Amino acid sequence: MKNNKNLLPLYFNSLRFIVAGPGSGKTLVIVKRIIHFVNNEILKLLC
């Protein structure tokens, strides 16, 4: 469980980088889908 919690800051930093980076509407939609999927996976790991 500790390893998963250590990954969260890294995960959020990468999200900021992706969102801050140059992206069109298409990439934002893809990123949102990935974020949604990853969030579900994180919830499964933490529960």
PDB file of N, CA and C in Angstrom:
ATOM      1  N   MET A   1       0.821  -1.205   0.000  1.00  0.00           N
ATOM      2  CA  MET A   1       0.000   0.000   0.000  1.00  0.00           C
ATOM      3  C   MET A   1       0.864   1.268   0.000  1.00  0.00           C
ATOM      4  N   LYS A   2       1.983   1.223   0.739  1.00  0.00           N
ATOM      5  CA  LYS A   2       2.856   2.398   0.795  1.00  0.00           C
ATOM      6  C   LYS A   2       3.363   2.765  -0.602  1.00  0.00           C
ATOM      7  N   ASN A   3       3.695   1.764  -1.396  1.00  0.00           N
ATOM      8  CA  ASN A   3       4.193   2.020  -2.744  1.00  0.00           C
ATOM      9  C   ASN A   3       3.151   2.764  -3.580  1.00  0.00           C
ATOM     10  N   ASN A   4       1.890   2.371  -3.447  1.00  0.00           N
ATOM     11  CA  ASN A   4       0.825   3.032  -4.200  1.00  0.00           C
ATOM     12  C   ASN A   4       0.713   4.500  -3.804  1.00  0.00           C
ATOM     13  N   LYS A   5       0.813   4.784  -2.509  1.00  0.00           N
ATOM     14  CA  LYS A   5       0.697   6.171  -2.060  1.00  0.00           C
ATOM     15  C   LYS A   5       1.882   6.998  -2.544  1.00  0.00           C
ATOM     16  N   ASN A   6       3.048   6.379  -2.644  1.00  0.00           N
ATOM     17  CA  ASN A   6       4.226   7.110  -3.146  1.00  0.00           C
ATOM     18  C   ASN A   6       4.067   7.440  -4.623  1.00  0.00           C
ATOM     19  N   LEU A   7       3.300   6.641  -5.338  1.00  0.00           N
ATOM     20  CA  LEU A   7       3.107   6.870  -6.771  1.00  0.00           C
ATOM     21  C   LEU A   7       2.132   8.022  -7.040  1.00  0.00           C
ATOM     22  N   LEU A   8       1.269   8.323  -6.095  1.00  0.00           N
ATOM     23  CA  LEU A   8       0.257   9.355  -6.338  1.00  0.00           C
ATOM     24  C   LEU A   8       0.855  10.720  -6.682  1.00  0.00           C
ATOM     25  N   PRO A   9       1.851  11.238  -5.931  1.00  0.00           N
ATOM     26  CA  PRO A   9       2.429  12.541  -6.305  1.00  0.00           C
ATOM     27  C   PRO A   9       3.024  12.517  -7.713  1.00  0.00           C
ATOM     28  N   LEU A  10       3.687  11.443  -8.048  1.00  0.00           N
ATOM     29  CA  LEU A  10       4.272  11.313  -9.385  1.00  0.00           C
ATOM     30  C   LEU A  10       3.172  11.338 -10.443  1.00  0.00           C
ATOM     31  N   TYR A  11       2.078  10.646 -10.147  1.00  0.00           N
ATOM     32  CA  TYR A  11       0.935  10.590 -11.052  1.00  0.00           C
ATOM     33  C   TYR A  11       0.356  11.981 -11.285  1.00  0.00           C
ATOM     34  N   PHE A  12       0.168  12.736 -10.192  1.00  0.00           N
ATOM     35  CA  PHE A  12      -0.414  14.068 -10.328  1.00  0.00           C
ATOM     36  C   PHE A  12       0.548  15.030 -11.025  1.00  0.00           C
ATOM     37  N   ASN A  13       1.851  14.871 -10.786  1.00  0.00           N
ATOM     38  CA  ASN A  13       2.840  15.715 -11.475  1.00  0.00           C
ATOM     39  C   ASN A  13       2.788  15.469 -12.974  1.00  0.00           C
ATOM     40  N   SER A  14       2.657  14.200 -13.371  1.00  0.00           N
ATOM     41  CA  SER A  14       2.586  13.882 -14.795  1.00  0.00           C
ATOM     42  C   SER A  14       1.303  14.443 -15.389  1.00  0.00           C
ATOM     43  N   LEU A  15       0.221  14.445 -14.617  1.00  0.00           N
ATOM     44  CA  LEU A  15      -1.038  15.022 -15.102  1.00  0.00           C
ATOM     45  C   LEU A  15      -0.860  16.502 -15.383  1.00  0.00           C
ATOM     46  N   ARG A  16      -0.211  17.214 -14.458  1.00  0.00           N
ATOM     47  CA  ARG A  16       0.006  18.653 -14.634  1.00  0.00           C
ATOM     48  C   ARG A  16       0.837  18.902 -15.885  1.00  0.00           C
ATOM     49  N   PHE A  17       1.846  18.066 -16.088  1.00  0.00           N
ATOM     50  CA  PHE A  17       2.716  18.221 -17.253  1.00  0.00           C
ATOM     51  C   PHE A  17       1.920  18.037 -18.542  1.00  0.00           C
ATOM     52  N   ILE A  18       1.058  17.007 -18.567  1.00  0.00           N
ATOM     53  CA  ILE A  18       0.258  16.724 -19.765  1.00  0.00           C
ATOM     54  C   ILE A  18      -0.709  17.875 -20.029  1.00  0.00           C
ATOM     55  N   VAL A  19      -1.371  18.340 -18.964  1.00  0.00           N
ATOM     56  CA  VAL A  19      -2.362  19.406 -19.129  1.00  0.00           C
ATOM     57  C   VAL A  19      -1.684  20.721 -19.526  1.00  0.00           C
ATOM     58  N   ALA A  20      -0.506  20.989 -18.949  1.00  0.00           N
ATOM     59  CA  ALA A  20       0.201  22.238 -19.231  1.00  0.00           C
ATOM     60  C   ALA A  20       0.830  22.224 -20.624  1.00  0.00           C
ATOM     61  N   GLY A  21       1.154  21.022 -21.111  1.00  0.00           N
ATOM     62  CA  GLY A  21       1.797  20.901 -22.405  1.00  0.00           C
ATOM     63  C   GLY A  21       0.874  21.300 -23.543  1.00  0.00           C
ATOM     64  N   PRO A  22       1.450  21.511 -24.718  1.00  0.00           N
ATOM     65  CA  PRO A  22       0.638  21.883 -25.878  1.00  0.00           C
ATOM     66  C   PRO A  22      -0.263  20.725 -26.272  1.00  0.00           C
ATOM     67  N   GLY A  23      -1.555  20.980 -26.316  1.00  0.00           N
ATOM     68  CA  GLY A  23      -2.480  19.905 -26.668  1.00  0.00           C
ATOM     69  C   GLY A  23      -3.704  20.446 -27.366  1.00  0.00           C
ATOM     70  N   SER A  24      -4.185  19.673 -28.323  1.00  0.00           N
ATOM     71  CA  SER A  24      -5.411  20.061 -29.016  1.00  0.00           C
ATOM     72  C   SER A  24      -6.598  19.467 -28.266  1.00  0.00           C
ATOM     73  N   GLY A  25      -7.797  19.727 -28.743  1.00  0.00           N
ATOM     74  CA  GLY A  25      -9.000  19.193 -28.109  1.00  0.00           C
ATOM     75  C   GLY A  25      -8.981  17.672 -28.090  1.00  0.00           C
ATOM     76  N   LYS A  26      -8.467  17.080 -29.180  1.00  0.00           N
ATOM     77  CA  LYS A  26      -8.441  15.612 -29.274  1.00  0.00           C
ATOM     78  C   LYS A  26      -7.599  14.999 -28.166  1.00  0.00           C
ATOM     79  N   THR A  27      -6.398  15.543 -27.958  1.00  0.00           N
ATOM     80  CA  THR A  27      -5.529  14.959 -26.932  1.00  0.00           C
ATOM     81  C   THR A  27      -6.150  15.129 -25.555  1.00  0.00           C
ATOM     82  N   LEU A  28      -6.851  16.239 -25.328  1.00  0.00           N
ATOM     83  CA  LEU A  28      -7.488  16.451 -24.029  1.00  0.00           C
ATOM     84  C   LEU A  28      -8.533  15.383 -23.769  1.00  0.00           C
ATOM     85  N   VAL A  29      -9.298  15.024 -24.794  1.00  0.00           N
ATOM     86  CA  VAL A  29     -10.325  13.983 -24.638  1.00  0.00           C
ATOM     87  C   VAL A  29      -9.660  12.661 -24.290  1.00  0.00           C
ATOM     88  N   ILE A  30      -8.572  12.334 -24.992  1.00  0.00           N
ATOM     89  CA  ILE A  30      -7.852  11.083 -24.736  1.00  0.00           C
ATOM     90  C   ILE A  30      -7.293  11.091 -23.318  1.00  0.00           C
ATOM     91  N   VAL A  31      -6.687  12.219 -22.925  1.00  0.00           N
ATOM     92  CA  VAL A  31      -6.106  12.328 -21.584  1.00  0.00           C
ATOM     93  C   VAL A  31      -7.177  12.150 -20.525  1.00  0.00           C
ATOM     94  N   LYS A  32      -8.344  12.762 -20.749  1.00  0.00           N
ATOM     95  CA  LYS A  32      -9.440  12.633 -19.784  1.00  0.00           C
ATOM     96  C   LYS A  32      -9.852  11.176 -19.629  1.00  0.00           C
ATOM     97  N   ARG A  33      -9.898  10.444 -20.744  1.00  0.00           N
ATOM     98  CA  ARG A  33     -10.260   9.019 -20.670  1.00  0.00           C
ATOM     99  C   ARG A  33      -9.216   8.244 -19.890  1.00  0.00           C
ATOM    100  N   ILE A  34      -7.941   8.547 -20.142  1.00  0.00           N
ATOM    101  CA  ILE A  34      -6.849   7.863 -19.431  1.00  0.00           C
ATOM    102  C   ILE A  34      -6.939   8.182 -17.944  1.00  0.00           C
ATOM    103  N   ILE A  35      -7.156   9.456 -17.609  1.00  0.00           N
ATOM    104  CA  ILE A  35      -7.261   9.863 -16.205  1.00  0.00           C
ATOM    105  C   ILE A  35      -8.395   9.112 -15.529  1.00  0.00           C
ATOM    106  N   HIS A  36      -9.529   9.037 -16.198  1.00  0.00           N
ATOM    107  CA  HIS A  36     -10.692   8.348 -15.635  1.00  0.00           C
ATOM    108  C   HIS A  36     -10.370   6.882 -15.376  1.00  0.00           C
ATOM    109  N   PHE A  37      -9.726   6.251 -16.356  1.00  0.00           N
ATOM    110  CA  PHE A  37      -9.360   4.840 -16.220  1.00  0.00           C
ATOM    111  C   PHE A  37      -8.369   4.637 -15.083  1.00  0.00           C
ATOM    112  N   VAL A  38      -7.339   5.472 -15.041  1.00  0.00           N
ATOM    113  CA  VAL A  38      -6.303   5.339 -14.015  1.00  0.00           C
ATOM    114  C   VAL A  38      -6.884   5.597 -12.627  1.00  0.00           C
ATOM    115  N   ASN A  39      -7.766   6.587 -12.524  1.00  0.00           N
ATOM    116  CA  ASN A  39      -8.406   6.858 -11.232  1.00  0.00           C
ATOM    117  C   ASN A  39      -9.164   5.636 -10.745  1.00  0.00           C
ATOM    118  N   ASN A  40      -9.876   4.966 -11.638  1.00  0.00           N
ATOM    119  CA  ASN A  40     -10.607   3.752 -11.256  1.00  0.00           C
ATOM    120  C   ASN A  40      -9.646   2.677 -10.776  1.00  0.00           C
ATOM    121  N   GLU A  41      -8.514   2.534 -11.473  1.00  0.00           N
ATOM    122  CA  GLU A  41      -7.529   1.516 -11.086  1.00  0.00           C
ATOM    123  C   GLU A  41      -6.942   1.841  -9.715  1.00  0.00           C
ATOM    124  N   ILE A  42      -6.670   3.116  -9.462  1.00  0.00           N
ATOM    125  CA  ILE A  42      -6.111   3.527  -8.165  1.00  0.00           C
ATOM    126  C   ILE A  42      -7.110   3.220  -7.056  1.00  0.00           C
ATOM    127  N   LEU A  43      -8.386   3.517  -7.311  1.00  0.00           N
ATOM    128  CA  LEU A  43      -9.409   3.244  -6.302  1.00  0.00           C
ATOM    129  C   LEU A  43      -9.475   1.752  -6.000  1.00  0.00           C
ATOM    130  N   LYS A  44      -9.346   0.919  -7.030  1.00  0.00           N
ATOM    131  CA  LYS A  44      -9.361  -0.536  -6.818  1.00  0.00           C
ATOM    132  C   LYS A  44      -8.180  -0.961  -5.951  1.00  0.00           C
ATOM    133  N   LEU A  45      -7.025  -0.354  -6.185  1.00  0.00           N
ATOM    134  CA  LEU A  45      -5.827  -0.716  -5.415  1.00  0.00           C
ATOM    135  C   LEU A  45      -5.949  -0.275  -3.967  1.00  0.00           C
ATOM    136  N   LEU A  46      -6.514   0.909  -3.750  1.00  0.00           N
ATOM    137  CA  LEU A  46      -6.589   1.451  -2.390  1.00  0.00           C
ATOM    138  C   LEU A  46      -7.686   0.774  -1.564  1.00  0.00           C
ATOM    139  N   CYS A  47      -8.745   0.339  -2.225  1.00  0.00           N
ATOM    140  CA  CYS A  47      -9.852  -0.285  -1.485  1.00  0.00           C
ATOM    141  C   CYS A  47      -9.523  -1.725  -1.100  1.00  0.00           C
TER     142      CYS A  47
END
